[in-house]
PDB file of N, CA and C in Angstrom:
ATOM      1  N   UNK A   1     -36.446  41.115   3.311  1.00  0.00           N
ATOM      2  CA  UNK A   1     -36.247  42.168   4.191  1.00  0.00           C
ATOM      3  C   UNK A   1     -37.631  42.650   4.656  1.00  0.00           C
ATOM      4  N   UNK A   2     -38.685  42.729   3.766  1.00  0.00           N
ATOM      5  CA  UNK A   2     -39.952  43.128   4.188  1.00  0.00           C
ATOM      6  C   UNK A   2     -40.596  42.199   5.258  1.00  0.00           C
ATOM      7  N   UNK A   3     -40.278  40.846   5.073  1.00  0.00           N
ATOM      8  CA  UNK A   3     -40.750  39.901   6.000  1.00  0.00           C
ATOM      9  C   UNK A   3     -40.164  40.107   7.379  1.00  0.00           C
ATOM     10  N   UNK A   4     -38.932  40.543   7.477  1.00  0.00           N
ATOM     11  CA  UNK A   4     -38.227  40.813   8.716  1.00  0.00           C
ATOM     12  C   UNK A   4     -38.774  41.982   9.401  1.00  0.00           C
ATOM     13  N   UNK A   5     -39.090  43.103   8.639  1.00  0.00           N
ATOM     14  CA  UNK A   5     -39.633  44.256   9.216  1.00  0.00           C
ATOM     15  C   UNK A   5     -41.068  44.026   9.634  1.00  0.00           C
ATOM     16  N   UNK A   6     -41.821  43.212   8.894  1.00  0.00           N
ATOM     17  CA  UNK A   6     -43.186  42.930   9.295  1.00  0.00           C
ATOM     18  C   UNK A   6     -43.206  42.164  10.636  1.00  0.00           C
ATOM     19  N   UNK A   7     -42.325  41.258  10.606  1.00  0.00           N
ATOM     20  CA  UNK A   7     -42.149  40.382  11.818  1.00  0.00           C
ATOM     21  C   UNK A   7     -41.794  41.247  13.098  1.00  0.00           C
ATOM     22  N   UNK A   8     -40.959  42.187  12.851  1.00  0.00           N
ATOM     23  CA  UNK A   8     -40.572  43.044  13.985  1.00  0.00           C
ATOM     24  C   UNK A   8     -41.757  43.949  14.450  1.00  0.00           C
ATOM     25  N   UNK A   9     -42.534  44.448  13.535  1.00  0.00           N
ATOM     26  CA  UNK A   9     -43.652  45.169  13.823  1.00  0.00           C
ATOM     27  C   UNK A   9     -44.752  44.418  14.737  1.00  0.00           C
ATOM     28  N   UNK A  10     -44.860  43.180  14.342  1.00  0.00           N
ATOM     29  CA  UNK A  10     -45.794  42.229  15.032  1.00  0.00           C
ATOM     30  C   UNK A  10     -45.241  42.075  16.465  1.00  0.00           C
ATOM     31  N   UNK A  11     -43.993  41.973  16.678  1.00  0.00           N
ATOM     32  CA  UNK A  11     -43.395  41.726  18.005  1.00  0.00           C
ATOM     33  C   UNK A  11     -43.632  43.004  18.932  1.00  0.00           C
ATOM     34  N   UNK A  12     -43.481  44.090  18.258  1.00  0.00           N
ATOM     35  CA  UNK A  12     -43.688  45.371  19.012  1.00  0.00           C
ATOM     36  C   UNK A  12     -45.153  45.478  19.493  1.00  0.00           C
ATOM     37  N   UNK A  13     -46.065  45.130  18.641  1.00  0.00           N
ATOM     38  CA  UNK A  13     -47.504  45.181  18.913  1.00  0.00           C
ATOM     39  C   UNK A  13     -47.803  44.183  19.978  1.00  0.00           C
ATOM     40  N   UNK A  14     -47.227  43.026  19.956  1.00  0.00           N
ATOM     41  CA  UNK A  14     -47.522  41.953  20.952  1.00  0.00           C
ATOM     42  C   UNK A  14     -46.915  42.396  22.354  1.00  0.00           C
ATOM     43  N   UNK A  15     -45.792  43.011  22.294  1.00  0.00           N
ATOM     44  CA  UNK A  15     -45.102  43.439  23.488  1.00  0.00           C
ATOM     45  C   UNK A  15     -45.963  44.540  24.144  1.00  0.00           C
ATOM     46  N   UNK A  16     -46.483  45.452  23.356  1.00  0.00           N
ATOM     47  CA  UNK A  16     -47.354  46.507  23.906  1.00  0.00           C
ATOM     48  C   UNK A  16     -48.548  45.988  24.527  1.00  0.00           C
ATOM     49  N   UNK A  17     -49.223  44.958  23.908  1.00  0.00           N
ATOM     50  CA  UNK A  17     -50.390  44.255  24.464  1.00  0.00           C
ATOM     51  C   UNK A  17     -50.013  43.594  25.729  1.00  0.00           C
ATOM     52  N   UNK A  18     -48.948  42.801  25.817  1.00  0.00           N
ATOM     53  CA  UNK A  18     -48.527  42.237  26.989  1.00  0.00           C
ATOM     54  C   UNK A  18     -48.271  43.199  28.117  1.00  0.00           C
ATOM     55  N   UNK A  19     -47.626  44.358  27.865  1.00  0.00           N
ATOM     56  CA  UNK A  19     -47.347  45.298  28.889  1.00  0.00           C
ATOM     57  C   UNK A  19     -48.755  45.863  29.418  1.00  0.00           C
ATOM     58  N   UNK A  20     -49.660  46.054  28.493  1.00  0.00           N
ATOM     59  CA  UNK A  20     -50.999  46.499  28.761  1.00  0.00           C
ATOM     60  C   UNK A  20     -51.735  45.536  29.737  1.00  0.00           C
ATOM     61  N   UNK A  21     -51.646  44.260  29.389  1.00  0.00           N
ATOM     62  CA  UNK A  21     -52.340  43.233  30.248  1.00  0.00           C
ATOM     63  C   UNK A  21     -51.625  43.154  31.537  1.00  0.00           C
ATOM     64  N   UNK A  22     -50.350  43.307  31.675  1.00  0.00           N
ATOM     65  CA  UNK A  22     -49.624  43.334  32.929  1.00  0.00           C
ATOM     66  C   UNK A  22     -50.079  44.529  33.749  1.00  0.00           C
ATOM     67  N   UNK A  23     -50.178  45.660  33.114  1.00  0.00           N
ATOM     68  CA  UNK A  23     -50.627  46.862  33.901  1.00  0.00           C
ATOM     69  C   UNK A  23     -51.947  46.791  34.460  1.00  0.00           C
ATOM     70  N   UNK A  24     -52.846  46.143  33.536  1.00  0.00           N
ATOM     71  CA  UNK A  24     -54.271  45.950  34.017  1.00  0.00           C
ATOM     72  C   UNK A  24     -54.423  45.006  35.195  1.00  0.00           C
ATOM     73  N   UNK A  25     -53.572  43.934  35.184  1.00  0.00           N
ATOM     74  CA  UNK A  25     -53.581  42.939  36.290  1.00  0.00           C
ATOM     75  C   UNK A  25     -53.075  43.654  37.527  1.00  0.00           C
ATOM     76  N   UNK A  26     -52.033  44.415  37.497  1.00  0.00           N
ATOM     77  CA  UNK A  26     -51.471  45.103  38.592  1.00  0.00           C
ATOM     78  C   UNK A  26     -52.450  46.045  39.191  1.00  0.00           C
ATOM     79  N   UNK A  27     -53.204  46.895  38.244  1.00  0.00           N
ATOM     80  CA  UNK A  27     -54.262  47.766  38.726  1.00  0.00           C
ATOM     81  C   UNK A  27     -55.375  47.126  39.455  1.00  0.00           C
ATOM     82  N   UNK A  28     -55.755  45.975  38.936  1.00  0.00           N
ATOM     83  CA  UNK A  28     -56.891  45.176  39.657  1.00  0.00           C
ATOM     84  C   UNK A  28     -56.384  44.753  41.040  1.00  0.00           C
ATOM     85  N   UNK A  29     -55.147  44.264  41.121  1.00  0.00           N
ATOM     86  CA  UNK A  29     -54.603  43.852  42.360  1.00  0.00           C
ATOM     87  C   UNK A  29     -54.531  45.050  43.472  1.00  0.00           C
ATOM     88  N   UNK A  30     -54.117  46.222  42.909  1.00  0.00           N
ATOM     89  CA  UNK A  30     -54.009  47.350  43.731  1.00  0.00           C
ATOM     90  C   UNK A  30     -55.335  47.812  44.171  1.00  0.00           C
ATOM     91  N   UNK A  31     -56.298  47.842  43.352  1.00  0.00           N
ATOM     92  CA  UNK A  31     -57.702  48.299  43.648  1.00  0.00           C
ATOM     93  C   UNK A  31     -58.330  47.326  44.723  1.00  0.00           C
ATOM     94  N   UNK A  32     -58.094  46.006  44.516  1.00  0.00           N
ATOM     95  CA  UNK A  32     -58.579  45.095  45.540  1.00  0.00           C
ATOM     96  C   UNK A  32     -57.982  45.257  46.885  1.00  0.00           C
ATOM     97  N   UNK A  33     -56.588  45.441  46.912  1.00  0.00           N
ATOM     98  CA  UNK A  33     -55.924  45.648  48.145  1.00  0.00           C
ATOM     99  C   UNK A  33     -56.340  46.872  48.855  1.00  0.00           C
ATOM    100  N   UNK A  34     -56.405  47.997  48.153  1.00  0.00           N
ATOM    101  CA  UNK A  34     -56.877  49.265  48.732  1.00  0.00           C
ATOM    102  C   UNK A  34     -58.268  49.200  49.255  1.00  0.00           C
ATOM    103  N   UNK A  35     -59.084  48.518  48.551  1.00  0.00           N
ATOM    104  CA  UNK A  35     -60.440  48.301  48.999  1.00  0.00           C
ATOM    105  C   UNK A  35     -60.535  47.490  50.257  1.00  0.00           C
ATOM    106  N   UNK A  36     -59.873  46.457  50.366  1.00  0.00           N
ATOM    107  CA  UNK A  36     -59.851  45.616  51.602  1.00  0.00           C
ATOM    108  C   UNK A  36     -59.260  46.353  52.770  1.00  0.00           C
ATOM    109  N   UNK A  37     -58.110  47.074  52.514  1.00  0.00           N
ATOM    110  CA  UNK A  37     -57.460  47.826  53.629  1.00  0.00           C
ATOM    111  C   UNK A  37     -58.406  48.963  54.058  1.00  0.00           C
ATOM    112  N   UNK A  38     -58.999  49.634  53.064  1.00  0.00           N
ATOM    113  CA  UNK A  38     -59.933  50.733  53.480  1.00  0.00           C
ATOM    114  C   UNK A  38     -61.038  50.235  54.323  1.00  0.00           C
ATOM    115  N   UNK A  39     -61.656  49.066  54.017  1.00  0.00           N
ATOM    116  CA  UNK A  39     -62.756  48.589  54.845  1.00  0.00           C
ATOM    117  C   UNK A  39     -62.222  48.185  56.225  1.00  0.00           C
ATOM    118  N   UNK A  40     -61.034  47.650  56.328  1.00  0.00           N
ATOM    119  CA  UNK A  40     -60.483  47.223  57.621  1.00  0.00           C
ATOM    120  C   UNK A  40     -60.216  48.574  58.430  1.00  0.00           C
ATOM    121  N   UNK A  41     -59.682  49.451  57.753  1.00  0.00           N
ATOM    122  CA  UNK A  41     -59.364  50.745  58.463  1.00  0.00           C
ATOM    123  C   UNK A  41     -60.588  51.461  58.884  1.00  0.00           C
ATOM    124  N   UNK A  42     -61.672  51.366  58.146  1.00  0.00           N
ATOM    125  CA  UNK A  42     -62.885  51.969  58.508  1.00  0.00           C
ATOM    126  C   UNK A  42     -63.437  51.242  59.765  1.00  0.00           C
ATOM    127  N   UNK A  43     -63.331  49.941  59.856  1.00  0.00           N
ATOM    128  CA  UNK A  43     -63.712  49.165  61.019  1.00  0.00           C
ATOM    129  C   UNK A  43     -62.915  49.550  62.259  1.00  0.00           C
ATOM    130  N   UNK A  44     -61.638  49.701  62.048  1.00  0.00           N
ATOM    131  CA  UNK A  44     -60.774  50.120  63.256  1.00  0.00           C
ATOM    132  C   UNK A  44     -61.165  51.458  63.753  1.00  0.00           C
ATOM    133  N   UNK A  45     -61.341  52.424  62.879  1.00  0.00           N
ATOM    134  CA  UNK A  45     -61.638  53.770  63.306  1.00  0.00           C
ATOM    135  C   UNK A  45     -63.066  53.772  63.981  1.00  0.00           C
ATOM    136  N   UNK A  46     -63.940  52.945  63.493  1.00  0.00           N
ATOM    137  CA  UNK A  46     -65.260  52.821  64.075  1.00  0.00           C
ATOM    138  C   UNK A  46     -65.137  52.289  65.514  1.00  0.00           C
ATOM    139  N   UNK A  47     -64.297  51.328  65.736  1.00  0.00           N
ATOM    140  CA  UNK A  47     -64.180  50.687  67.084  1.00  0.00           C
ATOM    141  C   UNK A  47     -63.512  51.714  67.987  1.00  0.00           C
ATOM    142  N   UNK A  48     -62.458  52.451  67.538  1.00  0.00           N
ATOM    143  CA  UNK A  48     -61.880  53.427  68.351  1.00  0.00           C
ATOM    144  C   UNK A  48     -62.844  54.550  68.761  1.00  0.00           C
ATOM    145  N   UNK A  49     -63.647  54.946  67.846  1.00  0.00           N
ATOM    146  CA  UNK A  49     -64.627  55.956  68.084  1.00  0.00           C
ATOM    147  C   UNK A  49     -65.634  55.460  69.138  1.00  0.00           C
ATOM    148  N   UNK A  50     -66.149  54.196  69.094  1.00  0.00           N
ATOM    149  CA  UNK A  50     -66.959  53.652  70.010  1.00  0.00           C
ATOM    150  C   UNK A  50     -66.377  53.702  71.451  1.00  0.00           C
ATOM    151  N   UNK A  51     -65.109  53.249  71.474  1.00  0.00           N
ATOM    152  CA  UNK A  51     -64.471  53.146  72.764  1.00  0.00           C
ATOM    153  C   UNK A  51     -64.194  54.569  73.370  1.00  0.00           C
ATOM    154  N   UNK A  52     -63.866  55.505  72.556  1.00  0.00           N
ATOM    155  CA  UNK A  52     -63.638  56.819  72.986  1.00  0.00           C
ATOM    156  C   UNK A  52     -64.972  57.434  73.453  1.00  0.00           C
ATOM    157  N   UNK A  53     -66.031  57.211  72.800  1.00  0.00           N
ATOM    158  CA  UNK A  53     -67.332  57.706  73.264  1.00  0.00           C
ATOM    159  C   UNK A  53     -67.800  57.082  74.590  1.00  0.00           C
ATOM    160  N   UNK A  54     -67.498  55.894  74.782  1.00  0.00           N
ATOM    161  CA  UNK A  54     -67.823  55.101  76.007  1.00  0.00           C
ATOM    162  C   UNK A  54     -66.918  55.726  77.161  1.00  0.00           C
ATOM    163  N   UNK A  55     -65.620  55.965  76.864  1.00  0.00           N
ATOM    164  CA  UNK A  55     -64.808  56.566  77.861  1.00  0.00           C
ATOM    165  C   UNK A  55     -65.247  57.934  78.244  1.00  0.00           C
ATOM    166  N   UNK A  56     -65.621  58.773  77.281  1.00  0.00           N
ATOM    167  CA  UNK A  56     -66.097  60.148  77.598  1.00  0.00           C
ATOM    168  C   UNK A  56     -67.379  60.074  78.364  1.00  0.00           C
ATOM    169  N   UNK A  57     -68.290  59.135  77.955  1.00  0.00           N
ATOM    170  CA  UNK A  57     -69.563  59.008  78.821  1.00  0.00           C
ATOM    171  C   UNK A  57     -69.310  58.581  80.182  1.00  0.00           C
ATOM    172  N   UNK A  58     -68.401  57.655  80.401  1.00  0.00           N
ATOM    173  CA  UNK A  58     -68.095  57.131  81.765  1.00  0.00           C
ATOM    174  C   UNK A  58     -67.401  58.267  82.538  1.00  0.00           C
ATOM    175  N   UNK A  59     -66.583  59.003  81.991  1.00  0.00           N
ATOM    176  CA  UNK A  59     -65.875  60.068  82.700  1.00  0.00           C
ATOM    177  C   UNK A  59     -66.841  61.213  83.041  1.00  0.00           C
ATOM    178  N   UNK A  60     -67.797  61.499  82.218  1.00  0.00           N
ATOM    179  CA  UNK A  60     -68.786  62.584  82.450  1.00  0.00           C
ATOM    180  C   UNK A  60     -69.776  62.090  83.540  1.00  0.00           C
ATOM    181  N   UNK A  61     -70.189  60.804  83.549  1.00  0.00           N
ATOM    182  CA  UNK A  61     -71.188  60.318  84.533  1.00  0.00           C
ATOM    183  C   UNK A  61     -70.606  60.069  85.880  1.00  0.00           C
ATOM    184  N   UNK A  62     -69.251  59.930  85.930  1.00  0.00           N
ATOM    185  CA  UNK A  62     -68.549  59.707  87.169  1.00  0.00           C
ATOM    186  C   UNK A  62     -68.242  60.980  87.957  1.00  0.00           C
ATOM    187  N   UNK A  63     -68.486  62.183  87.355  1.00  0.00           N
ATOM    188  CA  UNK A  63     -68.124  63.425  87.925  1.00  0.00           C
ATOM    189  C   UNK A  63     -69.161  63.858  88.831  1.00  0.00           C
TER     190      UNK A  63
END
């Protein structure tokens, strides 16, 4: 009976470690994705800002 209980405790510990590893891997994936999307989004907003500045400059010099 003691061996059965000890075996069950080992399985619970192993399961907790597995869930922890899965959560860590998911976190790393999310961080990488958010970082890549953030960089791309920053580039897009930079391009939009440049084009808007050019448009405003053109509109002001044409008047």
